Protein backbone atom coordinates (compact mmCIF):
# COMPACT_ATOMS: atom_id res chain seq x y z
CA THR A 1 -16.82 -18.14 -12.08
CA ASN A 2 -17.80 -14.54 -12.94
CA SER A 3 -15.18 -12.23 -12.83
CA SER A 4 -17.06 -9.75 -10.31
CA GLU A 5 -17.53 -12.51 -7.39
CA TYR A 6 -14.78 -14.25 -5.36
CA CYS A 7 -14.87 -17.61 -5.08
CA THR A 8 -12.63 -20.37 -3.02
CA VAL A 9 -11.11 -24.27 -4.66
CA LEU A 10 -10.76 -26.73 -2.35
CA THR A 11 -8.66 -30.02 -3.83
CA SER A 12 -7.87 -33.00 -2.37
CA ASN A 13 -4.80 -32.98 -4.22
CA PRO A 14 -2.18 -30.80 -4.57
CA SER A 15 -3.33 -28.12 -7.75
CA TYR A 16 -1.66 -25.09 -9.66
CA VAL A 17 -4.33 -22.13 -10.03
CA VAL A 18 -4.03 -19.15 -11.83
CA GLU A 19 -6.59 -16.26 -13.51
CA TYR A 20 -6.44 -15.54 -16.87
CA GLY A 21 -7.31 -11.86 -17.88
CA PHE A 22 -8.95 -10.83 -21.17
CA GLY A 23 -6.88 -8.45 -23.42
CA GLY A 24 -9.03 -5.12 -24.73
CA ASN A 25 -9.55 -6.78 -27.74
CA TYR A 26 -11.95 -9.56 -26.20
CA PHE A 27 -14.21 -6.68 -25.34
CA SER A 28 -16.30 -3.85 -27.08
CA ASN A 29 -14.67 -1.49 -25.28
CA GLY A 30 -11.03 -2.02 -25.96
CA TYR A 31 -9.71 -1.71 -22.82
CA GLY A 32 -7.89 -4.64 -20.37
CA ASP A 33 -4.16 -6.34 -21.36
CA PRO A 34 -4.93 -9.93 -20.98
CA LEU A 35 -2.83 -11.64 -17.88
CA LEU A 36 -1.97 -14.83 -16.24
CA MET A 37 -2.20 -14.25 -12.58
CA THR A 38 -0.91 -17.30 -10.29
CA ILE A 39 -2.66 -17.93 -7.09
CA PRO A 40 -0.50 -19.38 -4.35
CA PRO A 41 -2.52 -21.17 -1.48
CA LEU A 42 -3.61 -19.59 1.47
CA ASP A 43 -1.40 -20.56 3.95
CA GLN A 44 1.45 -19.39 1.41
CA TYR A 45 -0.13 -16.04 1.11
CA ILE A 46 2.82 -13.03 1.66
CA HIS A 47 1.86 -10.18 4.35
CA SER A 48 3.75 -7.61 2.60
CA VAL A 49 3.89 -6.62 -1.04
CA THR A 50 5.09 -3.66 -2.78
CA PHE A 51 3.64 -2.72 -6.34
CA SER A 52 3.58 0.37 -8.72
CA SER A 53 1.64 0.68 -11.66
CA PHE A 54 3.16 2.44 -15.45
CA GLU A 55 1.70 6.46 -15.09
CA THR A 56 1.29 6.36 -19.16
CA MET A 57 -1.38 3.56 -18.53
CA PRO A 58 -4.99 5.16 -19.12
CA LYS A 59 -6.45 3.47 -15.66
CA ASN A 60 -4.48 0.62 -13.34
CA TYR A 61 -6.18 -1.97 -10.99
CA TYR A 62 -5.35 -3.61 -8.23
CA THR A 63 -7.10 -6.29 -5.96
CA ILE A 64 -5.79 -7.38 -2.66
CA LEU A 65 -6.61 -10.66 -1.24
CA ILE A 66 -6.13 -11.12 2.89
CA PRO A 67 -6.23 -14.54 4.42
CA ASN A 68 -8.85 -14.42 7.70
CA ASP A 69 -5.78 -14.70 10.16
CA GLN A 70 -4.16 -13.14 13.05
CA TYR A 71 -2.61 -10.41 10.52
CA PHE A 72 -6.01 -8.99 9.31
CA ASN A 73 -6.98 -5.95 11.25
CA GLN A 74 -9.00 -4.55 8.19
CA THR A 75 -6.34 -2.21 7.45
CA TYR A 76 -3.24 -1.71 5.19
CA LEU A 77 -0.65 0.55 4.44
CA TYR A 78 -1.69 2.38 0.83
CA ASN A 79 1.27 5.11 -0.34
CA GLY A 80 2.40 4.91 3.69
CA PHE A 81 -0.67 5.81 4.89
CA PRO A 82 -3.45 3.47 6.60
CA PHE A 83 -6.56 2.74 4.65
CA THR A 84 -9.38 1.01 5.62
CA PRO A 85 -11.15 0.09 2.67
CA THR A 86 -14.72 -1.90 2.40
CA TRP A 87 -13.75 -5.41 2.25
CA THR A 88 -15.54 -8.08 0.60
CA THR A 89 -15.92 -11.59 2.75
CA ILE A 90 -14.63 -14.93 0.47
CA TYR A 91 -15.94 -17.73 1.72
CA TYR A 92 -14.97 -21.89 1.61
CA PRO A 93 -18.17 -23.41 1.01
CA ASN A 94 -18.61 -24.84 4.63
CA GLY A 95 -19.45 -21.04 4.91
CA SER A 96 -16.70 -19.86 7.08
CA ILE A 97 -14.68 -17.10 5.94
CA ALA A 98 -11.65 -17.89 4.11
CA GLY A 99 -10.17 -14.17 3.53
CA TYR A 100 -11.17 -11.11 2.76
CA GLY A 101 -10.97 -8.99 -0.57
CA TYR A 102 -10.67 -5.04 -2.44
CA SER A 103 -10.83 -4.44 -5.60
CA THR A 104 -10.46 -0.85 -6.89
CA GLU A 105 -8.63 1.82 -9.60
CA PHE A 106 -4.67 2.37 -8.82
CA LYS A 107 -4.37 6.42 -8.03
């Protein structure tokens, strides 16, 4: 899928889904580190996480995916303060809402 779009994966059997991100040498601008990120099923999402970035890196980005459940209230804590981003709605193939996503630079 296009790296600028969210998608859903539906399977009839257990599956292991990962995202592979290319390193900086893949693109002509030289930015980016390779990554392999596990993507858990929606029913295994956690509702709290703490993460940090390396201050020596010129730019850092993060992506938050939140399932459409009773815990979603459009706001999350960023550096201890409530923040309400512009969420992107993620749909199941049948048109119902699977969840919401937000990506931005880590500042």
